[in-house]
C-alpha cells in the first residue's frame, strides 16, 4: 500500500498526537501509523472505522476538548 502525500496530513497528525498521544512523526505522508491512529480515533468516537479522515472525522475533531 502506497502512502499518500497531502499538505493537510501534518495538521491531522498534530491533532491526533494531541488527542491520543499517538506520537506520529509529523510529515505530509499518510502512512500506516497515521491510518491506525485515524481508525482508533474513529473507534473511540463512534464513527465507521474506515481509516479515512473525512468530514465526519473533522467535525468530531473540532468538537473535541480536553
N, C-alpha and C. Protein backbone atom coordinates (compact mmCIF):
# COMPACT_ATOMS: atom_id res chain seq x y z
N UNK A 1 0.85 -1.18 0.00
CA UNK A 1 0.00 0.00 0.00
C UNK A 1 0.89 1.24 0.00
N UNK A 2 0.65 2.10 -0.94
CA UNK A 2 1.47 3.30 -1.07
C UNK A 2 0.93 4.42 -0.17
N UNK A 3 1.84 5.07 0.55
CA UNK A 3 1.45 6.19 1.40
C UNK A 3 1.04 7.37 0.53
N UNK A 4 0.04 8.08 0.99
CA UNK A 4 -0.44 9.25 0.26
C UNK A 4 0.17 10.51 0.85
N UNK A 5 0.51 11.47 -0.02
CA UNK A 5 1.05 12.75 0.44
C UNK A 5 -0.02 13.81 0.31
N UNK A 6 -0.11 14.66 1.33
CA UNK A 6 -1.11 15.71 1.34
C UNK A 6 -0.69 16.75 2.38
N UNK A 7 -0.78 18.01 2.03
CA UNK A 7 -0.33 19.05 2.94
C UNK A 7 -1.18 19.14 4.21
N UNK A 8 -2.40 18.61 4.19
CA UNK A 8 -3.26 18.65 5.38
C UNK A 8 -2.92 17.53 6.37
N UNK A 9 -2.15 16.55 5.92
CA UNK A 9 -1.85 15.39 6.77
C UNK A 9 -1.11 15.81 8.03
N UNK A 10 -0.16 16.73 7.91
CA UNK A 10 0.62 17.16 9.07
C UNK A 10 -0.29 17.77 10.15
N UNK A 11 -1.27 18.57 9.73
CA UNK A 11 -2.21 19.16 10.70
C UNK A 11 -3.01 18.06 11.40
N UNK A 12 -3.45 17.07 10.63
CA UNK A 12 -4.20 15.96 11.20
C UNK A 12 -3.33 15.17 12.17
N UNK A 13 -2.07 14.94 11.81
CA UNK A 13 -1.15 14.21 12.69
C UNK A 13 -0.93 14.97 13.99
N UNK A 14 -0.78 16.29 13.92
CA UNK A 14 -0.63 17.10 15.14
C UNK A 14 -1.85 16.93 16.04
N UNK A 15 -3.04 16.99 15.44
CA UNK A 15 -4.26 16.80 16.22
C UNK A 15 -4.29 15.42 16.86
N UNK A 16 -4.01 14.39 16.07
CA UNK A 16 -4.06 13.02 16.60
C UNK A 16 -3.05 12.82 17.73
N UNK A 17 -1.87 13.40 17.60
CA UNK A 17 -0.87 13.31 18.67
C UNK A 17 -1.40 13.98 19.93
N UNK A 18 -2.02 15.16 19.78
CA UNK A 18 -2.58 15.87 20.92
C UNK A 18 -3.73 15.07 21.52
N UNK A 19 -4.58 14.56 20.66
CA UNK A 19 -5.79 13.87 21.11
C UNK A 19 -5.48 12.54 21.80
N UNK A 20 -4.66 11.73 21.15
CA UNK A 20 -4.47 10.37 21.64
C UNK A 20 -3.06 9.98 21.99
N UNK A 21 -2.12 10.93 21.91
CA UNK A 21 -0.73 10.61 22.24
C UNK A 21 -0.14 9.53 21.34
N UNK A 22 -0.46 9.57 20.06
CA UNK A 22 -0.01 8.53 19.14
C UNK A 22 1.47 8.65 18.78
N UNK A 23 2.06 9.80 19.05
CA UNK A 23 3.49 10.01 18.77
C UNK A 23 3.81 9.78 17.29
N UNK A 24 2.94 10.29 16.44
CA UNK A 24 3.16 10.17 14.99
C UNK A 24 4.26 11.13 14.57
N UNK A 25 5.07 10.70 13.62
CA UNK A 25 6.06 11.59 13.00
C UNK A 25 5.28 12.59 12.15
N UNK A 26 5.53 13.88 12.38
CA UNK A 26 4.80 14.90 11.62
C UNK A 26 5.40 15.03 10.23
N UNK A 27 4.57 14.74 9.25
CA UNK A 27 5.00 14.79 7.86
C UNK A 27 3.77 15.04 7.01
N UNK A 28 3.95 15.10 5.74
CA UNK A 28 2.80 15.21 4.83
C UNK A 28 2.41 13.85 4.27
N UNK A 29 2.90 12.78 4.89
CA UNK A 29 2.67 11.43 4.38
C UNK A 29 1.64 10.71 5.25
N UNK A 30 0.59 10.21 4.61
CA UNK A 30 -0.44 9.42 5.29
C UNK A 30 -0.06 7.96 5.13
N UNK A 31 0.70 7.45 6.08
CA UNK A 31 1.15 6.06 6.04
C UNK A 31 0.40 5.20 7.04
N UNK A 32 0.90 4.00 7.25
CA UNK A 32 0.24 3.03 8.14
C UNK A 32 0.06 3.53 9.56
N UNK A 33 1.07 4.14 10.22
CA UNK A 33 0.85 4.61 11.60
C UNK A 33 -0.26 5.65 11.69
N UNK A 34 -0.33 6.54 10.72
CA UNK A 34 -1.38 7.57 10.71
C UNK A 34 -2.74 6.91 10.50
N UNK A 35 -2.80 5.96 9.59
CA UNK A 35 -4.07 5.26 9.34
C UNK A 35 -4.55 4.54 10.60
N UNK A 36 -3.64 3.91 11.33
CA UNK A 36 -4.00 3.22 12.58
C UNK A 36 -4.54 4.21 13.61
N UNK A 37 -3.91 5.38 13.69
CA UNK A 37 -4.37 6.41 14.63
C UNK A 37 -5.76 6.92 14.24
N UNK A 38 -6.00 7.10 12.95
CA UNK A 38 -7.31 7.54 12.47
C UNK A 38 -8.36 6.49 12.83
N UNK A 39 -8.06 5.23 12.60
CA UNK A 39 -9.01 4.15 12.92
C UNK A 39 -9.32 4.13 14.41
N UNK A 40 -8.30 4.34 15.25
CA UNK A 40 -8.51 4.37 16.69
C UNK A 40 -9.39 5.57 17.07
N UNK A 41 -9.13 6.73 16.48
CA UNK A 41 -9.96 7.92 16.71
C UNK A 41 -11.40 7.64 16.32
N UNK A 42 -11.61 6.99 15.17
CA UNK A 42 -12.95 6.67 14.72
C UNK A 42 -13.65 5.73 15.70
N UNK A 43 -12.94 4.69 16.14
CA UNK A 43 -13.50 3.73 17.09
C UNK A 43 -13.92 4.43 18.38
N UNK A 44 -13.03 5.28 18.89
CA UNK A 44 -13.28 5.96 20.16
C UNK A 44 -14.39 7.00 20.07
N UNK A 45 -14.77 7.40 18.87
CA UNK A 45 -15.79 8.42 18.70
C UNK A 45 -17.05 7.92 18.00
N UNK A 46 -17.20 6.59 17.93
CA UNK A 46 -18.42 6.01 17.39
C UNK A 46 -18.63 6.23 15.90
N UNK A 47 -17.53 6.41 15.16
CA UNK A 47 -17.61 6.61 13.71
C UNK A 47 -17.30 5.30 12.99
N UNK A 48 -17.76 5.15 11.74
CA UNK A 48 -17.36 3.97 10.97
C UNK A 48 -15.84 3.92 10.85
N UNK A 49 -15.25 2.76 11.09
CA UNK A 49 -13.79 2.61 11.08
C UNK A 49 -13.32 2.32 9.66
N UNK A 50 -12.95 3.40 8.97
CA UNK A 50 -12.54 3.29 7.58
C UNK A 50 -11.06 3.60 7.38
N UNK A 51 -10.47 4.30 8.33
CA UNK A 51 -9.07 4.72 8.17
C UNK A 51 -8.94 5.97 7.33
N UNK A 52 -10.08 6.56 6.92
CA UNK A 52 -10.08 7.77 6.12
C UNK A 52 -10.56 8.92 7.00
N UNK A 53 -9.79 10.00 7.04
CA UNK A 53 -10.15 11.17 7.85
C UNK A 53 -10.92 12.14 6.96
N UNK A 54 -12.24 12.04 7.03
CA UNK A 54 -13.09 12.86 6.17
C UNK A 54 -13.86 13.91 6.96
N UNK A 55 -14.97 14.36 6.40
CA UNK A 55 -15.73 15.46 7.00
C UNK A 55 -16.34 15.09 8.36
N UNK A 56 -16.80 13.85 8.53
CA UNK A 56 -17.35 13.43 9.82
C UNK A 56 -16.27 13.46 10.89
N UNK A 57 -15.08 12.99 10.53
CA UNK A 57 -13.97 12.99 11.48
C UNK A 57 -13.55 14.41 11.83
N UNK A 58 -13.52 15.26 10.82
CA UNK A 58 -13.15 16.66 11.05
C UNK A 58 -14.15 17.34 11.99
N UNK A 59 -15.43 17.07 11.79
CA UNK A 59 -16.46 17.64 12.66
C UNK A 59 -16.26 17.18 14.11
N UNK A 60 -16.00 15.89 14.31
CA UNK A 60 -15.74 15.35 15.65
C UNK A 60 -14.49 15.97 16.24
N UNK A 61 -13.44 16.08 15.41
CA UNK A 61 -12.16 16.63 15.87
C UNK A 61 -12.34 18.06 16.36
N UNK A 62 -13.12 18.85 15.64
CA UNK A 62 -13.34 20.24 16.01
C UNK A 62 -14.14 20.36 17.31
N UNK A 63 -14.91 19.33 17.65
CA UNK A 63 -15.73 19.35 18.86
C UNK A 63 -14.96 18.85 20.09
N UNK A 64 -13.80 18.25 19.89
CA UNK A 64 -13.03 17.66 20.98
C UNK A 64 -12.37 18.74 21.83
N UNK A 65 -12.57 18.61 23.13
CA UNK A 65 -11.83 19.47 24.08
C UNK A 65 -11.30 18.57 25.17
N UNK A 66 -10.26 19.02 25.80
CA UNK A 66 -9.69 18.23 26.91
C UNK A 66 -9.86 19.01 28.19
